[in-house]
Amino acid sequence: MVTENISETANQFEADLTWIGKQPLIPGRQFHIKLASREAFATVTAIKYRTDSGTDARLAARTLKKDEIGRVYLCTSESVIFGQHGNKNDLAFRLIDLQTGETVGTGALDFVLRRATNLKWQALTIDKASRSVQKQQSPKCIWFTGLSGSGKSTIANLLEQRLHQDNRHTYLLDGDNIRHGLCRDLGFTEADRVENIRRISEVARLMVDAGLIVLVSFISPFRSERHMARELFAEGEFIEVFIDTELKECERRDVKGLYAKARSGELKNFTGIDSPYEPPESPEIHIQTAMLSPQEAVINILKRWETNF
């Protein structure tokens, strides 16, 4: 039952959701949302509870599996008008997977959590273009993705050294380093990995807005989150670099013994062992480390950059 007339502009809601996707719903993941009034991007920010189909009991839940029903908090990328005079048809929505285009959830909005009109962008005099001119460079986000031990951090570090020598203004965001501060509250569950990438994507966006060339070195195992990151940037600003190293080679390089711990069951949710890695389908740059040394990889990246970016 609709508890509030929400014929207003807003972007955060509480909603009832029936999940029909093949893969479980992970809070923090982005989708397309289709409503009667318009379309936008949407994120299920949290699951309030799951409803037991037999007893209607409200159960704690971190995910929703296929055909499960839950109460969720929903945030849209843009302010949208939902319904008029409590018309239930205007409150109905569909969630669509960004990668497959399939409908993965259906539901109805119940009430507004926060009025979007309370938040407005503050107009600032100095913008990204001004900072870019001052630094005499085009700001970019160079996003390195690959398995643990693939060589992401090594190559990203060498690339930043080269850019620094060329008087470029840079910053390297490394996955391990970020978990000591900004993301120290996150673990390695699928939901935590999604939130980890959401946070670092927003940080990278701010750094690009500051006129920097930001290098991001994260496993970032899921295509949907890398797509979400890409959508934050203007066309041509996001360069995905796939550091492609075979799993057995990553295990051979593993001085910390993390892969061995994962295979023994001591370390859970480890990418490549018991948590999936989804390789990029069309990265701007594809580095196959079996064919290139880290130094050669940097030269390859710079050549591709100068030619195409």
Protein backbone atom coordinates (compact mmCIF):
# COMPACT_ATOMS: atom_id res chain seq x y z
CA MET A 1 0.00 0.00 0.00
CA VAL A 2 1.27 3.47 -0.84
CA THR A 3 1.93 5.27 2.41
CA GLU A 4 2.69 8.71 1.02
CA ASN A 5 1.72 10.77 -1.99
CA ILE A 6 5.07 11.12 -3.75
CA SER A 7 4.04 13.21 -6.73
CA GLU A 8 7.23 15.19 -6.30
CA THR A 9 10.82 15.34 -7.43
CA ALA A 10 13.14 13.09 -5.42
CA ASN A 11 15.99 10.64 -5.79
CA GLN A 12 15.96 8.36 -2.73
CA PHE A 13 13.16 5.98 -1.83
CA GLU A 14 12.07 2.97 0.13
CA ALA A 15 10.61 0.32 -2.16
CA ASP A 16 9.32 -3.23 -2.38
CA LEU A 17 11.38 -5.34 -4.77
CA THR A 18 10.96 -8.79 -6.28
CA TRP A 19 14.32 -10.04 -7.50
CA ILE A 20 14.23 -12.18 -10.67
CA GLY A 21 17.88 -12.00 -11.72
CA LYS A 22 19.93 -15.16 -12.16
CA GLN A 23 22.66 -13.77 -9.92
CA PRO A 24 21.90 -12.49 -6.39
CA LEU A 25 21.24 -8.81 -5.84
CA ILE A 26 24.31 -7.09 -4.38
CA PRO A 27 23.69 -3.69 -2.74
CA GLY A 28 25.73 -0.93 -4.34
CA ARG A 29 25.51 -2.29 -7.88
CA GLN A 30 24.10 0.03 -10.53
CA PHE A 31 21.16 -0.68 -12.86
CA HIS A 32 18.92 1.06 -15.33
CA ILE A 33 15.53 1.85 -13.81
CA LYS A 34 12.39 2.24 -15.91
CA LEU A 35 9.38 4.05 -14.50
CA ALA A 36 6.24 5.49 -15.99
CA SER A 37 7.70 8.99 -15.91
CA ARG A 38 11.27 8.40 -17.13
CA GLU A 39 14.43 6.28 -17.11
CA ALA A 40 17.62 6.76 -15.10
CA PHE A 41 20.40 4.86 -13.38
CA ALA A 42 19.56 3.41 -9.98
CA THR A 43 21.37 1.71 -7.12
CA VAL A 44 19.94 -0.45 -4.37
CA THR A 45 21.93 1.08 -1.53
CA ALA A 46 20.76 -1.36 1.15
CA ILE A 47 18.33 -4.20 1.84
CA LYS A 48 16.13 -3.38 4.83
CA TYR A 49 14.78 -6.92 5.10
CA ARG A 50 13.69 -9.98 3.11
CA THR A 51 10.10 -11.22 3.34
CA ASP A 52 9.66 -14.95 3.96
CA SER A 53 7.34 -16.31 1.26
CA GLY A 54 5.67 -18.77 3.62
CA THR A 55 5.20 -16.78 6.81
CA ASP A 56 5.60 -13.15 5.65
CA ALA A 57 8.18 -12.78 8.42
CA ARG A 58 10.74 -10.03 7.94
CA LEU A 59 14.23 -11.52 7.87
CA ALA A 60 17.63 -9.85 7.88
CA ALA A 61 19.33 -10.13 4.50
CA ARG A 62 22.48 -8.92 2.77
CA THR A 63 21.41 -10.15 -0.67
CA LEU A 64 18.26 -11.21 -2.48
CA LYS A 65 18.24 -14.42 -4.52
CA LYS A 66 16.03 -15.24 -7.49
CA ASP A 67 12.29 -14.93 -6.70
CA GLU A 68 12.92 -13.46 -3.25
CA ILE A 69 11.03 -10.35 -2.15
CA GLY A 70 12.56 -7.62 -0.05
CA ARG A 71 12.25 -4.10 1.23
CA VAL A 72 15.09 -1.97 -0.14
CA TYR A 73 16.49 1.54 -0.19
CA LEU A 74 16.79 2.84 -3.74
CA CYS A 75 18.77 5.80 -5.04
CA THR A 76 18.45 7.19 -8.58
CA SER A 77 21.18 9.04 -10.46
CA GLU A 78 18.84 11.88 -11.34
CA SER A 79 15.91 13.52 -9.63
CA VAL A 80 12.73 12.03 -11.05
CA ILE A 81 9.02 12.62 -10.66
CA PHE A 82 7.31 9.56 -9.27
CA GLY A 83 3.57 9.28 -9.69
CA GLN A 84 0.73 11.69 -9.36
CA HIS A 85 -2.00 11.59 -6.75
CA GLY A 86 -0.79 8.21 -5.50
CA ASN A 87 -1.37 6.38 -8.81
CA LYS A 88 0.18 2.95 -8.24
CA ASN A 89 1.05 2.55 -11.92
CA ASP A 90 3.33 5.56 -11.64
CA LEU A 91 5.16 3.94 -8.72
CA ALA A 92 5.97 0.66 -10.48
CA PHE A 93 9.49 0.15 -11.80
CA ARG A 94 11.82 -2.35 -13.45
CA LEU A 95 15.54 -2.76 -12.80
CA ILE A 96 17.58 -3.68 -15.87
CA ASP A 97 21.09 -5.16 -15.87
CA LEU A 98 23.57 -2.78 -17.50
CA GLN A 99 25.56 -5.58 -19.13
CA THR A 100 22.87 -7.95 -20.42
CA GLY A 101 19.87 -5.63 -20.82
CA GLU A 102 17.73 -8.18 -18.97
CA THR A 103 15.11 -7.23 -16.39
CA VAL A 104 16.42 -8.44 -13.03
CA GLY A 105 13.92 -6.88 -10.64
CA THR A 106 10.41 -5.47 -10.47
CA GLY A 107 8.78 -3.49 -7.72
CA ALA A 108 7.01 -0.40 -6.52
CA LEU A 109 8.15 2.70 -4.69
CA ASP A 110 6.56 3.32 -1.32
CA PHE A 111 7.79 6.65 -0.03
CA VAL A 112 10.50 9.26 -0.32
CA LEU A 113 13.52 8.94 1.96
CA ARG A 114 15.01 12.32 1.18
CA ARG A 115 13.86 15.29 -0.84
CA ALA A 116 16.23 15.78 -3.75
CA THR A 117 15.35 19.49 -3.81
CA ASN A 118 17.32 19.87 -0.58
CA LEU A 119 20.56 19.18 -2.47
CA LYS A 120 21.82 21.35 -5.30
CA TRP A 121 25.18 21.65 -7.02
CA GLN A 122 27.07 24.69 -5.78
CA ALA A 123 28.25 26.83 -8.69
CA LEU A 124 32.04 27.26 -8.57
CA THR A 125 34.16 29.66 -10.59
CA ILE A 126 37.19 27.42 -11.13
CA ASP A 127 36.25 24.31 -13.11
CA LYS A 128 37.98 21.27 -14.60
CA ALA A 129 38.82 23.10 -17.82
CA SER A 130 40.53 25.90 -15.87
CA ARG A 131 42.59 23.42 -13.86
CA SER A 132 43.49 21.53 -17.02
CA VAL A 133 44.79 24.71 -18.66
CA GLN A 134 46.80 25.58 -15.55
CA LYS A 135 48.43 22.13 -15.51
CA GLN A 136 48.80 22.05 -19.31
CA GLN A 137 47.41 18.53 -19.57
CA SER A 138 44.21 16.64 -20.30
CA PRO A 139 42.99 14.97 -17.11
CA LYS A 140 42.44 11.22 -17.38
CA CYS A 141 41.54 8.20 -15.30
CA ILE A 142 43.78 5.26 -16.23
CA TRP A 143 42.09 2.23 -14.67
CA PHE A 144 44.27 -0.87 -14.23
CA THR A 145 42.39 -4.13 -13.66
CA GLY A 146 43.62 -7.70 -13.31
CA LEU A 147 44.13 -10.56 -10.90
CA SER A 148 46.12 -10.24 -7.70
CA GLY A 149 49.76 -10.62 -8.67
CA SER A 150 49.15 -9.75 -12.32
CA GLY A 151 51.51 -6.76 -12.18
CA LYS A 152 48.98 -3.91 -11.98
CA SER A 153 50.70 -1.96 -9.21
CA THR A 154 54.18 -2.48 -10.65
CA ILE A 155 53.18 -1.22 -14.09
CA ALA A 156 51.06 1.63 -12.72
CA ASN A 157 53.94 2.75 -10.49
CA LEU A 158 56.41 2.71 -13.41
CA LEU A 159 53.94 4.62 -15.58
CA GLU A 160 53.48 7.29 -12.92
CA GLN A 161 57.26 7.67 -12.63
CA ARG A 162 57.49 8.22 -16.38
CA LEU A 163 54.64 10.74 -16.37
CA HIS A 164 56.19 12.55 -13.40
CA GLN A 165 59.48 12.83 -15.31
CA ASP A 166 57.50 14.45 -18.12
CA ASN A 167 56.16 17.04 -15.63
CA ARG A 168 52.64 15.61 -15.65
CA HIS A 169 50.48 16.09 -12.55
CA THR A 170 49.49 12.61 -11.38
CA TYR A 171 48.26 10.53 -8.47
CA LEU A 172 48.26 6.75 -8.06
CA LEU A 173 45.40 5.13 -6.15
CA ASP A 174 46.48 1.63 -5.14
CA GLY A 175 44.04 -0.98 -3.86
CA ASP A 176 46.09 -2.12 -0.86
CA ASN A 177 46.93 1.44 0.22
CA ILE A 178 43.31 2.60 0.06
CA ARG A 179 42.23 -0.22 2.37
CA HIS A 180 44.44 1.24 5.12
CA GLY A 181 42.24 4.35 5.27
CA LEU A 182 39.22 5.19 3.14
CA CYS A 183 38.08 1.57 2.81
CA ARG A 184 39.47 0.04 5.99
CA ASP A 185 35.93 -0.79 7.15
CA LEU A 186 35.34 -3.07 4.14
CA GLY A 187 36.02 -6.78 3.85
CA PHE A 188 36.17 -8.94 0.74
CA THR A 189 32.60 -10.12 0.31
CA GLU A 190 31.03 -9.38 -3.05
CA ALA A 191 29.01 -6.54 -1.52
CA ASP A 192 32.12 -5.02 0.07
CA ARG A 193 34.01 -5.24 -3.22
CA VAL A 194 31.20 -3.37 -4.95
CA GLU A 195 31.30 -0.62 -2.31
CA ASN A 196 35.10 -0.51 -2.48
CA ILE A 197 35.00 0.27 -6.20
CA ARG A 198 32.14 2.76 -5.80
CA ARG A 199 34.18 4.78 -3.31
CA ILE A 200 37.39 4.77 -5.30
CA SER A 201 35.50 5.66 -8.49
CA GLU A 202 34.14 8.78 -6.82
CA VAL A 203 37.61 9.70 -5.53
CA ALA A 204 39.08 9.23 -9.01
CA ARG A 205 36.33 11.42 -10.49
CA LEU A 206 37.18 14.22 -8.05
CA MET A 207 40.87 13.93 -8.91
CA VAL A 208 40.14 14.16 -12.63
CA ASP A 209 37.96 17.19 -11.89
CA ALA A 210 41.03 18.65 -10.16
CA GLY A 211 42.88 18.34 -13.47
CA LEU A 212 45.02 15.34 -12.54
CA ILE A 213 45.97 12.21 -14.42
CA VAL A 214 44.87 9.61 -11.89
CA LEU A 215 46.07 6.01 -12.09
CA VAL A 216 43.80 3.48 -10.39
CA SER A 217 45.24 0.04 -9.60
CA PHE A 218 42.50 -2.23 -8.25
CA ILE A 219 41.56 -5.83 -8.99
CA SER A 220 38.04 -4.48 -9.66
CA PRO A 221 36.78 -7.96 -10.58
CA PHE A 222 33.26 -7.16 -11.77
CA ARG A 223 32.39 -5.67 -15.17
CA SER A 224 29.33 -3.90 -13.77
CA GLU A 225 31.42 -1.88 -11.30
CA ARG A 226 34.02 -0.98 -13.92
CA HIS A 227 31.15 0.14 -16.15
CA MET A 228 29.77 2.20 -13.25
CA ALA A 229 33.19 3.83 -12.84
CA ARG A 230 33.43 4.62 -16.56
CA GLU A 231 30.02 6.32 -16.51
CA LEU A 232 31.32 8.91 -14.03
CA PHE A 233 33.73 10.37 -16.59
CA ALA A 234 33.37 12.36 -19.77
CA GLU A 235 33.95 10.56 -23.05
CA GLY A 236 37.65 9.85 -23.56
CA GLU A 237 38.63 10.47 -19.93
CA PHE A 238 38.46 6.83 -18.80
CA ILE A 239 41.12 4.44 -20.11
CA GLU A 240 40.72 0.82 -19.04
CA VAL A 241 43.98 -1.13 -18.99
CA PHE A 242 43.62 -4.90 -18.65
CA ILE A 243 46.75 -6.46 -17.14
CA ASP A 244 46.27 -9.97 -18.47
CA THR A 245 48.30 -12.55 -16.56
CA GLU A 246 47.48 -16.25 -16.34
CA LEU A 247 46.30 -17.46 -12.95
CA LYS A 248 49.14 -19.96 -12.58
CA GLU A 249 51.68 -17.18 -13.16
CA CYS A 250 49.97 -14.98 -10.55
CA GLU A 251 50.19 -17.88 -8.10
CA ARG A 252 53.88 -18.40 -8.90
CA ARG A 253 54.62 -14.74 -8.16
CA ASP A 254 52.66 -14.71 -4.89
CA VAL A 255 55.28 -13.96 -2.23
CA LYS A 256 52.59 -13.41 0.43
CA GLY A 257 51.17 -16.89 -0.04
CA LEU A 258 47.62 -15.57 -0.50
CA TYR A 259 46.70 -17.98 -3.29
CA ALA A 260 47.91 -20.95 -1.24
CA LYS A 261 45.79 -19.79 1.70
CA ALA A 262 42.79 -19.36 -0.61
CA ARG A 263 43.19 -22.84 -2.09
CA SER A 264 43.44 -24.37 1.38
CA GLY A 265 40.25 -22.59 2.46
CA GLU A 266 42.04 -20.41 5.00
CA LEU A 267 41.33 -17.25 2.98
CA LYS A 268 37.76 -16.81 1.74
CA ASN A 269 36.38 -14.76 -1.17
CA PHE A 270 39.71 -14.58 -2.98
CA THR A 271 39.47 -13.42 -6.59
CA GLY A 272 40.34 -16.14 -9.08
CA ILE A 273 39.85 -18.97 -6.58
CA ASP A 274 36.44 -18.83 -4.89
CA SER A 275 35.37 -15.37 -6.08
CA PRO A 276 35.07 -14.64 -9.81
CA TYR A 277 37.11 -12.28 -11.96
CA GLU A 278 35.29 -10.97 -15.03
CA PRO A 279 37.89 -9.89 -17.61
CA PRO A 280 37.20 -6.76 -19.67
CA GLU A 281 35.51 -7.42 -23.00
CA SER A 282 36.85 -4.36 -24.83
CA PRO A 283 39.49 -2.48 -22.81
CA GLU A 284 41.21 0.51 -24.37
CA ILE A 285 44.57 -1.18 -23.69
CA HIS A 286 45.25 -4.91 -23.28
CA ILE A 287 48.62 -5.85 -21.77
CA GLN A 288 49.60 -9.53 -21.96
CA THR A 289 52.39 -9.83 -19.42
CA ALA A 290 53.62 -13.16 -20.80
CA MET A 291 54.84 -11.18 -23.82
CA LEU A 292 55.98 -7.92 -22.18
CA SER A 293 58.15 -6.89 -19.25
CA PRO A 294 56.73 -4.18 -16.95
CA GLN A 295 58.99 -1.60 -18.63
CA GLU A 296 57.84 -2.70 -22.08
CA ALA A 297 54.23 -2.57 -20.90
CA VAL A 298 54.69 1.09 -19.91
CA ILE A 299 56.15 1.91 -23.33
CA ASN A 300 53.21 0.11 -24.96
CA ILE A 301 50.70 2.09 -22.86
CA LEU A 302 52.38 5.40 -23.69
CA LYS A 303 52.42 4.62 -27.41
CA ARG A 304 48.73 3.73 -27.37
CA TRP A 305 47.99 6.84 -25.32
CA GLU A 306 49.85 9.18 -27.68
CA THR A 307 48.16 7.61 -30.71
CA ASN A 308 44.59 7.34 -29.46
CA PHE A 309 44.07 9.47 -26.37
